[in-house]
mmCIF file of all heavy atoms, coordinates in Angstrom:
data_MODEL
# 
_entry.id   MODEL 
# 
loop_
_atom_site.group_PDB 
_atom_site.id 
_atom_site.type_symbol 
_atom_site.label_atom_id 
_atom_site.label_alt_id 
_atom_site.label_comp_id 
_atom_site.label_asym_id 
_atom_site.label_entity_id 
_atom_site.label_seq_id 
_atom_site.pdbx_PDB_ins_code 
_atom_site.Cartn_x 
_atom_site.Cartn_y 
_atom_site.Cartn_z 
_atom_site.occupancy 
_atom_site.B_iso_or_equiv 
_atom_site.pdbx_formal_charge 
_atom_site.auth_seq_id 
_atom_site.auth_comp_id 
_atom_site.auth_asym_id 
_atom_site.auth_atom_id 
_atom_site.pdbx_PDB_model_num 
ATOM 1   N N   . SER A 1 1  ? -94.275  -140.875 233.126 1.00 0.00 ? 1  SER A N   1 
ATOM 2   C CA  . SER A 1 1  ? -93.735  -142.057 232.454 1.00 0.00 ? 1  SER A CA  1 
ATOM 3   C C   . SER A 1 1  ? -94.317  -142.173 231.061 1.00 0.00 ? 1  SER A C   1 
ATOM 4   O O   . SER A 1 1  ? -95.463  -141.776 230.831 1.00 0.00 ? 1  SER A O   1 
ATOM 5   C CB  . SER A 1 1  ? -94.078  -143.320 233.242 1.00 0.00 ? 1  SER A CB  1 
ATOM 6   O OG  . SER A 1 1  ? -93.521  -143.307 234.532 1.00 0.00 ? 1  SER A OG  1 
ATOM 7   N N   . CYS A 1 2  ? -93.540  -142.720 230.171 1.00 0.00 ? 2  CYS A N   1 
ATOM 8   C CA  . CYS A 1 2  ? -93.985  -142.951 228.802 1.00 0.00 ? 2  CYS A CA  1 
ATOM 9   C C   . CYS A 1 2  ? -93.525  -144.337 228.381 1.00 0.00 ? 2  CYS A C   1 
ATOM 10  O O   . CYS A 1 2  ? -92.330  -144.639 228.455 1.00 0.00 ? 2  CYS A O   1 
ATOM 11  C CB  . CYS A 1 2  ? -93.400  -141.896 227.878 1.00 0.00 ? 2  CYS A CB  1 
ATOM 12  S SG  . CYS A 1 2  ? -93.620  -142.232 226.119 1.00 0.00 ? 2  CYS A SG  1 
ATOM 13  N N   . THR A 1 3  ? -94.449  -145.154 227.966 1.00 0.00 ? 3  THR A N   1 
ATOM 14  C CA  . THR A 1 3  ? -94.077  -146.467 227.440 1.00 0.00 ? 3  THR A CA  1 
ATOM 15  C C   . THR A 1 3  ? -94.229  -146.453 225.930 1.00 0.00 ? 3  THR A C   1 
ATOM 16  O O   . THR A 1 3  ? -95.167  -145.864 225.381 1.00 0.00 ? 3  THR A O   1 
ATOM 17  C CB  . THR A 1 3  ? -94.935  -147.580 228.052 1.00 0.00 ? 3  THR A CB  1 
ATOM 18  O OG1 . THR A 1 3  ? -96.316  -147.298 227.793 1.00 0.00 ? 3  THR A OG1 1 
ATOM 19  C CG2 . THR A 1 3  ? -94.714  -147.674 229.545 1.00 0.00 ? 3  THR A CG2 1 
ATOM 20  N N   . VAL A 1 4  ? -93.273  -147.089 225.278 1.00 0.00 ? 4  VAL A N   1 
ATOM 21  C CA  . VAL A 1 4  ? -93.208  -147.102 223.821 1.00 0.00 ? 4  VAL A CA  1 
ATOM 22  C C   . VAL A 1 4  ? -93.340  -148.540 223.352 1.00 0.00 ? 4  VAL A C   1 
ATOM 23  O O   . VAL A 1 4  ? -92.630  -149.418 223.842 1.00 0.00 ? 4  VAL A O   1 
ATOM 24  C CB  . VAL A 1 4  ? -91.881  -146.493 223.335 1.00 0.00 ? 4  VAL A CB  1 
ATOM 25  C CG1 . VAL A 1 4  ? -91.829  -146.464 221.816 1.00 0.00 ? 4  VAL A CG1 1 
ATOM 26  C CG2 . VAL A 1 4  ? -91.687  -145.105 223.918 1.00 0.00 ? 4  VAL A CG2 1 
ATOM 27  N N   . SER A 1 5  ? -94.219  -148.780 222.376 1.00 0.00 ? 5  SER A N   1 
ATOM 28  C CA  . SER A 1 5  ? -94.455  -150.148 221.934 1.00 0.00 ? 5  SER A CA  1 
ATOM 29  C C   . SER A 1 5  ? -93.306  -150.701 221.106 1.00 0.00 ? 5  SER A C   1 
ATOM 30  O O   . SER A 1 5  ? -93.125  -151.914 221.029 1.00 0.00 ? 5  SER A O   1 
ATOM 31  C CB  . SER A 1 5  ? -95.759  -150.229 221.128 1.00 0.00 ? 5  SER A CB  1 
ATOM 32  O OG  . SER A 1 5  ? -95.668  -149.422 219.969 1.00 0.00 ? 5  SER A OG  1 
ATOM 33  N N   . GLY A 1 6  ? -92.524  -149.819 220.495 1.00 0.00 ? 6  GLY A N   1 
ATOM 34  C CA  . GLY A 1 6  ? -91.403  -150.258 219.686 1.00 0.00 ? 6  GLY A CA  1 
ATOM 35  C C   . GLY A 1 6  ? -90.088  -150.130 220.432 1.00 0.00 ? 6  GLY A C   1 
ATOM 36  O O   . GLY A 1 6  ? -90.060  -149.768 221.610 1.00 0.00 ? 6  GLY A O   1 
ATOM 37  N N   . THR A 1 7  ? -88.998  -150.403 219.750 1.00 0.00 ? 7  THR A N   1 
ATOM 38  C CA  . THR A 1 7  ? -87.688  -150.299 220.376 1.00 0.00 ? 7  THR A CA  1 
ATOM 39  C C   . THR A 1 7  ? -87.272  -148.845 220.546 1.00 0.00 ? 7  THR A C   1 
ATOM 40  O O   . THR A 1 7  ? -87.625  -147.983 219.743 1.00 0.00 ? 7  THR A O   1 
ATOM 41  C CB  . THR A 1 7  ? -86.630  -151.030 219.554 1.00 0.00 ? 7  THR A CB  1 
ATOM 42  O OG1 . THR A 1 7  ? -85.364  -150.938 220.242 1.00 0.00 ? 7  THR A OG1 1 
ATOM 43  C CG2 . THR A 1 7  ? -86.473  -150.424 218.160 1.00 0.00 ? 7  THR A CG2 1 
ATOM 44  N N   . LEU A 1 8  ? -86.519  -148.588 221.616 1.00 0.00 ? 8  LEU A N   1 
ATOM 45  C CA  . LEU A 1 8  ? -85.971  -147.256 221.851 1.00 0.00 ? 8  LEU A CA  1 
ATOM 46  C C   . LEU A 1 8  ? -84.507  -147.165 221.444 1.00 0.00 ? 8  LEU A C   1 
ATOM 47  O O   . LEU A 1 8  ? -83.951  -146.073 221.422 1.00 0.00 ? 8  LEU A O   1 
ATOM 48  C CB  . LEU A 1 8  ? -86.091  -146.882 223.324 1.00 0.00 ? 8  LEU A CB  1 
ATOM 49  C CG  . LEU A 1 8  ? -87.473  -146.475 223.839 1.00 0.00 ? 8  LEU A CG  1 
ATOM 50  C CD1 . LEU A 1 8  ? -87.384  -146.036 225.284 1.00 0.00 ? 8  LEU A CD1 1 
ATOM 51  C CD2 . LEU A 1 8  ? -88.067  -145.375 222.980 1.00 0.00 ? 8  LEU A CD2 1 
ATOM 52  N N   . PHE A 1 9  ? -83.928  -148.306 221.120 1.00 0.00 ? 9  PHE A N   1 
ATOM 53  C CA  . PHE A 1 9  ? -82.507  -148.303 220.779 1.00 0.00 ? 9  PHE A CA  1 
ATOM 54  C C   . PHE A 1 9  ? -82.284  -147.483 219.511 1.00 0.00 ? 9  PHE A C   1 
ATOM 55  O O   . PHE A 1 9  ? -82.952  -147.659 218.497 1.00 0.00 ? 9  PHE A O   1 
ATOM 56  C CB  . PHE A 1 9  ? -81.999  -149.735 220.606 1.00 0.00 ? 9  PHE A CB  1 
ATOM 57  C CG  . PHE A 1 9  ? -81.869  -150.465 221.899 1.00 0.00 ? 9  PHE A CG  1 
ATOM 58  C CD1 . PHE A 1 9  ? -82.897  -151.279 222.356 1.00 0.00 ? 9  PHE A CD1 1 
ATOM 59  C CD2 . PHE A 1 9  ? -80.739  -150.337 222.677 1.00 0.00 ? 9  PHE A CD2 1 
ATOM 60  C CE1 . PHE A 1 9  ? -82.792  -151.949 223.568 1.00 0.00 ? 9  PHE A CE1 1 
ATOM 61  C CE2 . PHE A 1 9  ? -80.621  -151.008 223.887 1.00 0.00 ? 9  PHE A CE2 1 
ATOM 62  C CZ  . PHE A 1 9  ? -81.647  -151.814 224.331 1.00 0.00 ? 9  PHE A CZ  1 
ATOM 63  N N   . GLY A 1 10 ? -81.341  -146.553 219.592 1.00 0.00 ? 10 GLY A N   1 
ATOM 64  C CA  . GLY A 1 10 ? -81.013  -145.714 218.445 1.00 0.00 ? 10 GLY A CA  1 
ATOM 65  C C   . GLY A 1 10 ? -81.943  -144.549 218.221 1.00 0.00 ? 10 GLY A C   1 
ATOM 66  O O   . GLY A 1 10 ? -81.830  -143.857 217.207 1.00 0.00 ? 10 GLY A O   1 
ATOM 67  N N   . ILE A 1 11 ? -82.864  -144.315 219.144 1.00 0.00 ? 11 ILE A N   1 
ATOM 68  C CA  . ILE A 1 11 ? -83.878  -143.276 218.987 1.00 0.00 ? 11 ILE A CA  1 
ATOM 69  C C   . ILE A 1 11 ? -83.656  -142.151 219.998 1.00 0.00 ? 11 ILE A C   1 
ATOM 70  O O   . ILE A 1 11 ? -83.537  -142.416 221.197 1.00 0.00 ? 11 ILE A O   1 
ATOM 71  C CB  . ILE A 1 11 ? -85.295  -143.843 219.175 1.00 0.00 ? 11 ILE A CB  1 
ATOM 72  C CG1 . ILE A 1 11 ? -85.554  -144.997 218.201 1.00 0.00 ? 11 ILE A CG1 1 
ATOM 73  C CG2 . ILE A 1 11 ? -86.335  -142.746 219.002 1.00 0.00 ? 11 ILE A CG2 1 
ATOM 74  C CD1 . ILE A 1 11 ? -85.612  -144.605 216.755 1.00 0.00 ? 11 ILE A CD1 1 
ATOM 75  N N   . TYR A 1 12 ? -83.592  -140.912 219.506 1.00 0.00 ? 12 TYR A N   1 
ATOM 76  C CA  . TYR A 1 12 ? -83.632  -139.769 220.399 1.00 0.00 ? 12 TYR A CA  1 
ATOM 77  C C   . TYR A 1 12 ? -85.086  -139.598 220.847 1.00 0.00 ? 12 TYR A C   1 
ATOM 78  O O   . TYR A 1 12 ? -86.010  -139.684 220.037 1.00 0.00 ? 12 TYR A O   1 
ATOM 79  C CB  . TYR A 1 12 ? -83.203  -138.485 219.688 1.00 0.00 ? 12 TYR A CB  1 
ATOM 80  C CG  . TYR A 1 12 ? -81.730  -138.317 219.453 1.00 0.00 ? 12 TYR A CG  1 
ATOM 81  C CD1 . TYR A 1 12 ? -80.885  -139.404 219.284 1.00 0.00 ? 12 TYR A CD1 1 
ATOM 82  C CD2 . TYR A 1 12 ? -81.178  -137.048 219.358 1.00 0.00 ? 12 TYR A CD2 1 
ATOM 83  C CE1 . TYR A 1 12 ? -79.526  -139.224 219.050 1.00 0.00 ? 12 TYR A CE1 1 
ATOM 84  C CE2 . TYR A 1 12 ? -79.823  -136.850 219.119 1.00 0.00 ? 12 TYR A CE2 1 
ATOM 85  C CZ  . TYR A 1 12 ? -79.005  -137.948 218.962 1.00 0.00 ? 12 TYR A CZ  1 
ATOM 86  O OH  . TYR A 1 12 ? -77.661  -137.764 218.721 1.00 0.00 ? 12 TYR A OH  1 
ATOM 87  N N   . MET A 1 13 ? -85.267  -139.336 222.145 1.00 0.00 ? 13 MET A N   1 
ATOM 88  C CA  . MET A 1 13 ? -86.621  -139.170 222.669 1.00 0.00 ? 13 MET A CA  1 
ATOM 89  C C   . MET A 1 13 ? -86.771  -137.807 223.334 1.00 0.00 ? 13 MET A C   1 
ATOM 90  O O   . MET A 1 13 ? -85.777  -137.185 223.734 1.00 0.00 ? 13 MET A O   1 
ATOM 91  C CB  . MET A 1 13 ? -86.940  -140.272 223.676 1.00 0.00 ? 13 MET A CB  1 
ATOM 92  C CG  . MET A 1 13 ? -87.074  -141.657 223.064 1.00 0.00 ? 13 MET A CG  1 
ATOM 93  S SD  . MET A 1 13 ? -88.474  -141.787 221.913 1.00 0.00 ? 13 MET A SD  1 
ATOM 94  C CE  . MET A 1 13 ? -89.859  -141.512 223.008 1.00 0.00 ? 13 MET A CE  1 
ATOM 95  N N   . ALA A 1 14 ? -87.997  -137.370 223.464 1.00 0.00 ? 14 ALA A N   1 
ATOM 96  C CA  . ALA A 1 14 ? -88.246  -136.057 224.047 1.00 0.00 ? 14 ALA A CA  1 
ATOM 97  C C   . ALA A 1 14 ? -89.602  -136.025 224.736 1.00 0.00 ? 14 ALA A C   1 
ATOM 98  O O   . ALA A 1 14 ? -90.480  -136.830 224.429 1.00 0.00 ? 14 ALA A O   1 
ATOM 99  C CB  . ALA A 1 14 ? -88.191  -134.981 222.970 1.00 0.00 ? 14 ALA A CB  1 
ATOM 100 N N   . TRP A 1 15 ? -89.726  -135.093 225.653 1.00 0.00 ? 15 TRP A N   1 
ATOM 101 C CA  . TRP A 1 15 ? -91.010  -134.733 226.240 1.00 0.00 ? 15 TRP A CA  1 
ATOM 102 C C   . TRP A 1 15 ? -91.405  -133.367 225.676 1.00 0.00 ? 15 TRP A C   1 
ATOM 103 O O   . TRP A 1 15 ? -90.573  -132.460 225.587 1.00 0.00 ? 15 TRP A O   1 
ATOM 104 C CB  . TRP A 1 15 ? -90.927  -134.663 227.755 1.00 0.00 ? 15 TRP A CB  1 
ATOM 105 C CG  . TRP A 1 15 ? -90.971  -136.005 228.403 1.00 0.00 ? 15 TRP A CG  1 
ATOM 106 C CD1 . TRP A 1 15 ? -89.915  -136.775 228.783 1.00 0.00 ? 15 TRP A CD1 1 
ATOM 107 C CD2 . TRP A 1 15 ? -92.147  -136.743 228.757 1.00 0.00 ? 15 TRP A CD2 1 
ATOM 108 N NE1 . TRP A 1 15 ? -90.350  -137.947 229.338 1.00 0.00 ? 15 TRP A NE1 1 
ATOM 109 C CE2 . TRP A 1 15 ? -91.723  -137.956 229.342 1.00 0.00 ? 15 TRP A CE2 1 
ATOM 110 C CE3 . TRP A 1 15 ? -93.524  -136.507 228.636 1.00 0.00 ? 15 TRP A CE3 1 
ATOM 111 C CZ2 . TRP A 1 15 ? -92.611  -138.915 229.800 1.00 0.00 ? 15 TRP A CZ2 1 
ATOM 112 C CZ3 . TRP A 1 15 ? -94.398  -137.461 229.092 1.00 0.00 ? 15 TRP A CZ3 1 
ATOM 113 C CH2 . TRP A 1 15 ? -93.954  -138.655 229.672 1.00 0.00 ? 15 TRP A CH2 1 
ATOM 114 N N   . TYR A 1 16 ? -92.670  -133.252 225.325 1.00 0.00 ? 16 TYR A N   1 
ATOM 115 C CA  . TYR A 1 16 ? -93.241  -132.021 224.810 1.00 0.00 ? 16 TYR A CA  1 
ATOM 116 C C   . TYR A 1 16 ? -94.407  -131.646 225.728 1.00 0.00 ? 16 TYR A C   1 
ATOM 117 O O   . TYR A 1 16 ? -94.926  -132.477 226.461 1.00 0.00 ? 16 TYR A O   1 
ATOM 118 C CB  . TYR A 1 16 ? -93.784  -132.231 223.399 1.00 0.00 ? 16 TYR A CB  1 
ATOM 119 C CG  . TYR A 1 16 ? -92.790  -132.756 222.384 1.00 0.00 ? 16 TYR A CG  1 
ATOM 120 C CD1 . TYR A 1 16 ? -92.429  -134.097 222.369 1.00 0.00 ? 16 TYR A CD1 1 
ATOM 121 C CD2 . TYR A 1 16 ? -92.231  -131.920 221.427 1.00 0.00 ? 16 TYR A CD2 1 
ATOM 122 C CE1 . TYR A 1 16 ? -91.523  -134.596 221.431 1.00 0.00 ? 16 TYR A CE1 1 
ATOM 123 C CE2 . TYR A 1 16 ? -91.341  -132.401 220.481 1.00 0.00 ? 16 TYR A CE2 1 
ATOM 124 C CZ  . TYR A 1 16 ? -90.998  -133.745 220.499 1.00 0.00 ? 16 TYR A CZ  1 
ATOM 125 O OH  . TYR A 1 16 ? -90.107  -134.226 219.568 1.00 0.00 ? 16 TYR A OH  1 
ATOM 126 N N   . ARG A 1 17 ? -94.848  -130.396 225.626 1.00 0.00 ? 17 ARG A N   1 
ATOM 127 C CA  . ARG A 1 17 ? -96.044  -129.997 226.364 1.00 0.00 ? 17 ARG A CA  1 
ATOM 128 C C   . ARG A 1 17 ? -96.818  -128.966 225.567 1.00 0.00 ? 17 ARG A C   1 
ATOM 129 O O   . ARG A 1 17 ? -96.253  -128.237 224.741 1.00 0.00 ? 17 ARG A O   1 
ATOM 130 C CB  . ARG A 1 17 ? -95.699  -129.449 227.750 1.00 0.00 ? 17 ARG A CB  1 
ATOM 131 C CG  . ARG A 1 17 ? -94.987  -128.113 227.746 1.00 0.00 ? 17 ARG A CG  1 
ATOM 132 C CD  . ARG A 1 17 ? -94.588  -127.720 229.175 1.00 0.00 ? 17 ARG A CD  1 
ATOM 133 N NE  . ARG A 1 17 ? -93.902  -126.427 229.212 1.00 0.00 ? 17 ARG A NE  1 
ATOM 134 C CZ  . ARG A 1 17 ? -93.318  -125.940 230.305 1.00 0.00 ? 17 ARG A CZ  1 
ATOM 135 N NH1 . ARG A 1 17 ? -93.342  -126.625 231.454 1.00 0.00 ? 17 ARG A NH1 1 
ATOM 136 N NH2 . ARG A 1 17 ? -92.708  -124.765 230.260 1.00 0.00 ? 17 ARG A NH2 1 
ATOM 137 N N   . GLN A 1 18 ? -98.111  -128.934 225.838 1.00 0.00 ? 18 GLN A N   1 
ATOM 138 C CA  . GLN A 1 18 ? -98.976  -127.948 225.205 1.00 0.00 ? 18 GLN A CA  1 
ATOM 139 C C   . GLN A 1 18 ? -99.907  -127.375 226.253 1.00 0.00 ? 18 GLN A C   1 
ATOM 140 O O   . GLN A 1 18 ? -100.735 -128.100 226.815 1.00 0.00 ? 18 GLN A O   1 
ATOM 141 C CB  . GLN A 1 18 ? -99.770  -128.561 224.053 1.00 0.00 ? 18 GLN A CB  1 
ATOM 142 C CG  . GLN A 1 18 ? -100.551 -127.537 223.262 1.00 0.00 ? 18 GLN A CG  1 
ATOM 143 C CD  . GLN A 1 18 ? -101.069 -128.079 221.957 1.00 0.00 ? 18 GLN A CD  1 
ATOM 144 O OE1 . GLN A 1 18 ? -101.207 -129.279 221.754 1.00 0.00 ? 18 GLN A OE1 1 
ATOM 145 N NE2 . GLN A 1 18 ? -101.367 -127.177 221.017 1.00 0.00 ? 18 GLN A NE2 1 
ATOM 146 N N   . ALA A 1 19 ? -99.751  -126.078 226.491 1.00 0.00 ? 19 ALA A N   1 
ATOM 147 C CA  . ALA A 1 19 ? -100.614 -125.366 227.421 1.00 0.00 ? 19 ALA A CA  1 
ATOM 148 C C   . ALA A 1 19 ? -101.823 -124.832 226.655 1.00 0.00 ? 19 ALA A C   1 
ATOM 149 O O   . ALA A 1 19 ? -101.748 -124.635 225.431 1.00 0.00 ? 19 ALA A O   1 
ATOM 150 C CB  . ALA A 1 19 ? -99.846  -124.224 228.076 1.00 0.00 ? 19 ALA A CB  1 
ATOM 151 N N   . PRO A 1 20 ? -102.930 -124.556 227.347 1.00 0.00 ? 20 PRO A N   1 
ATOM 152 C CA  . PRO A 1 20 ? -104.124 -124.036 226.666 1.00 0.00 ? 20 PRO A CA  1 
ATOM 153 C C   . PRO A 1 20 ? -103.812 -122.772 225.876 1.00 0.00 ? 20 PRO A C   1 
ATOM 154 O O   . PRO A 1 20 ? -103.186 -121.844 226.396 1.00 0.00 ? 20 PRO A O   1 
ATOM 155 C CB  . PRO A 1 20 ? -105.074 -123.759 227.825 1.00 0.00 ? 20 PRO A CB  1 
ATOM 156 C CG  . PRO A 1 20 ? -104.636 -124.679 228.911 1.00 0.00 ? 20 PRO A CG  1 
ATOM 157 C CD  . PRO A 1 20 ? -103.153 -124.773 228.774 1.00 0.00 ? 20 PRO A CD  1 
ATOM 158 N N   . GLY A 1 21 ? -104.211 -122.765 224.618 1.00 0.00 ? 21 GLY A N   1 
ATOM 159 C CA  . GLY A 1 21 ? -104.022 -121.592 223.779 1.00 0.00 ? 21 GLY A CA  1 
ATOM 160 C C   . GLY A 1 21 ? -102.612 -121.373 223.274 1.00 0.00 ? 21 GLY A C   1 
ATOM 161 O O   . GLY A 1 21 ? -102.322 -120.345 222.656 1.00 0.00 ? 21 GLY A O   1 
ATOM 162 N N   . LYS A 1 22 ? -101.731 -122.330 223.531 1.00 0.00 ? 22 LYS A N   1 
ATOM 163 C CA  . LYS A 1 22 ? -100.340 -122.176 223.111 1.00 0.00 ? 22 LYS A CA  1 
ATOM 164 C C   . LYS A 1 22 ? -99.918  -123.343 222.215 1.00 0.00 ? 22 LYS A C   1 
ATOM 165 O O   . LYS A 1 22 ? -100.545 -124.389 222.196 1.00 0.00 ? 22 LYS A O   1 
ATOM 166 C CB  . LYS A 1 22 ? -99.414  -122.106 224.333 1.00 0.00 ? 22 LYS A CB  1 
ATOM 167 C CG  . LYS A 1 22 ? -99.632  -120.883 225.201 1.00 0.00 ? 22 LYS A CG  1 
ATOM 168 C CD  . LYS A 1 22 ? -98.575  -120.794 226.282 1.00 0.00 ? 22 LYS A CD  1 
ATOM 169 C CE  . LYS A 1 22 ? -98.742  -119.529 227.102 1.00 0.00 ? 22 LYS A CE  1 
ATOM 170 N NZ  . LYS A 1 22 ? -97.693  -119.422 228.152 1.00 0.00 ? 22 LYS A NZ  1 
ATOM 171 N N   . GLN A 1 23 ? -98.843  -123.119 221.495 1.00 0.00 ? 23 GLN A N   1 
ATOM 172 C CA  . GLN A 1 23 ? -98.316  -124.179 220.640 1.00 0.00 ? 23 GLN A CA  1 
ATOM 173 C C   . GLN A 1 23 ? -97.563  -125.218 221.477 1.00 0.00 ? 23 GLN A C   1 
ATOM 174 O O   . GLN A 1 23 ? -97.046  -124.911 222.555 1.00 0.00 ? 23 GLN A O   1 
ATOM 175 C CB  . GLN A 1 23 ? -97.373  -123.587 219.588 1.00 0.00 ? 23 GLN A CB  1 
ATOM 176 C CG  . GLN A 1 23 ? -98.076  -122.780 218.513 1.00 0.00 ? 23 GLN A CG  1 
ATOM 177 C CD  . GLN A 1 23 ? -97.173  -122.484 217.320 1.00 0.00 ? 23 GLN A CD  1 
ATOM 178 O OE1 . GLN A 1 23 ? -95.956  -122.511 217.429 1.00 0.00 ? 23 GLN A OE1 1 
ATOM 179 N NE2 . GLN A 1 23 ? -97.774  -122.200 216.181 1.00 0.00 ? 23 GLN A NE2 1 
ATOM 180 N N   . ARG A 1 24 ? -97.518  -126.428 220.952 1.00 0.00 ? 24 ARG A N   1 
ATOM 181 C CA  . ARG A 1 24 ? -96.763  -127.473 221.618 1.00 0.00 ? 24 ARG A CA  1 
ATOM 182 C C   . ARG A 1 24 ? -95.281  -127.120 221.554 1.00 0.00 ? 24 ARG A C   1 
ATOM 183 O O   . ARG A 1 24 ? -94.786  -126.639 220.543 1.00 0.00 ? 24 ARG A O   1 
ATOM 184 C CB  . ARG A 1 24 ? -97.008  -128.820 220.924 1.00 0.00 ? 24 ARG A CB  1 
ATOM 185 C CG  . ARG A 1 24 ? -96.706  -130.015 221.765 1.00 0.00 ? 24 ARG A CG  1 
ATOM 186 C CD  . ARG A 1 24 ? -97.257  -131.286 221.140 1.00 0.00 ? 24 ARG A CD  1 
ATOM 187 N NE  . ARG A 1 24 ? -98.666  -131.163 220.774 1.00 0.00 ? 24 ARG A NE  1 
ATOM 188 C CZ  . ARG A 1 24 ? -99.441  -132.211 220.510 1.00 0.00 ? 24 ARG A CZ  1 
ATOM 189 N NH1 . ARG A 1 24 ? -98.953  -133.434 220.580 1.00 0.00 ? 24 ARG A NH1 1 
ATOM 190 N NH2 . ARG A 1 24 ? -100.685 -132.026 220.166 1.00 0.00 ? 24 ARG A NH2 1 
ATOM 191 N N   . GLU A 1 25 ? -94.571  -127.365 222.667 1.00 0.00 ? 25 GLU A N   1 
ATOM 192 C CA  . GLU A 1 25 ? -93.156  -127.049 222.720 1.00 0.00 ? 25 GLU A CA  1 
ATOM 193 C C   . GLU A 1 25 ? -92.366  -128.227 223.284 1.00 0.00 ? 25 GLU A C   1 
ATOM 194 O O   . GLU A 1 25 ? -92.879  -129.017 224.072 1.00 0.00 ? 25 GLU A O   1 
ATOM 195 C CB  . GLU A 1 25 ? -92.911  -125.803 223.596 1.00 0.00 ? 25 GLU A CB  1 
ATOM 196 C CG  . GLU A 1 25 ? -93.326  -125.941 225.036 1.00 0.00 ? 25 GLU A CG  1 
ATOM 197 C CD  . GLU A 1 25 ? -93.103  -124.670 225.844 1.00 0.00 ? 25 GLU A CD  1 
ATOM 198 O OE1 . GLU A 1 25 ? -92.495  -123.700 225.336 1.00 0.00 ? 25 GLU A OE1 1 
ATOM 199 O OE2 . GLU A 1 25 ? -93.530  -124.642 227.020 1.00 0.00 ? 25 GLU A OE2 1 
ATOM 200 N N   . LEU A 1 26 ? -91.115  -128.316 222.862 1.00 0.00 ? 26 LEU A N   1 
ATOM 201 C CA  . LEU A 1 26 ? -90.230  -129.364 223.355 1.00 0.00 ? 26 LEU A CA  1 
ATOM 202 C C   . LEU A 1 26 ? -89.669  -128.934 224.701 1.00 0.00 ? 26 LEU A C   1 
ATOM 203 O O   . LEU A 1 26 ? -89.107  -127.841 224.814 1.00 0.00 ? 26 LEU A O   1 
ATOM 204 C CB  . LEU A 1 26 ? -89.109  -129.621 222.344 1.00 0.00 ? 26 LEU A CB  1 
ATOM 205 C CG  . LEU A 1 26 ? -88.265  -130.869 222.551 1.00 0.00 ? 26 LEU A CG  1 
ATOM 206 C CD1 . LEU A 1 26 ? -87.731  -131.389 221.225 1.00 0.00 ? 26 LEU A CD1 1 
ATOM 207 C CD2 . LEU A 1 26 ? -87.119  -130.616 223.511 1.00 0.00 ? 26 LEU A CD2 1 
ATOM 208 N N   . VAL A 1 27 ? -89.818  -129.788 225.687 1.00 0.00 ? 27 VAL A N   1 
ATOM 209 C CA  . VAL A 1 27 ? -89.408  -129.464 227.048 1.00 0.00 ? 27 VAL A CA  1 
ATOM 210 C C   . VAL A 1 27 ? -88.041  -130.068 227.380 1.00 0.00 ? 27 VAL A C   1 
ATOM 211 O O   . VAL A 1 27 ? -87.203  -129.414 228.003 1.00 0.00 ? 27 VAL A O   1 
ATOM 212 C CB  . VAL A 1 27 ? -90.453  -129.991 228.046 1.00 0.00 ? 27 VAL A CB  1 
ATOM 213 C CG1 . VAL A 1 27 ? -90.004  -129.803 229.480 1.00 0.00 ? 27 VAL A CG1 1 
ATOM 214 C CG2 . VAL A 1 27 ? -91.796  -129.311 227.811 1.00 0.00 ? 27 VAL A CG2 1 
# 
């Protein structure tokens, strides 16, 4: 879960991840 303090209306959202030793990637 992810809570956002601002509005989400009109916003594209995404989950990203970063494994040890690797670059962050969009999931």
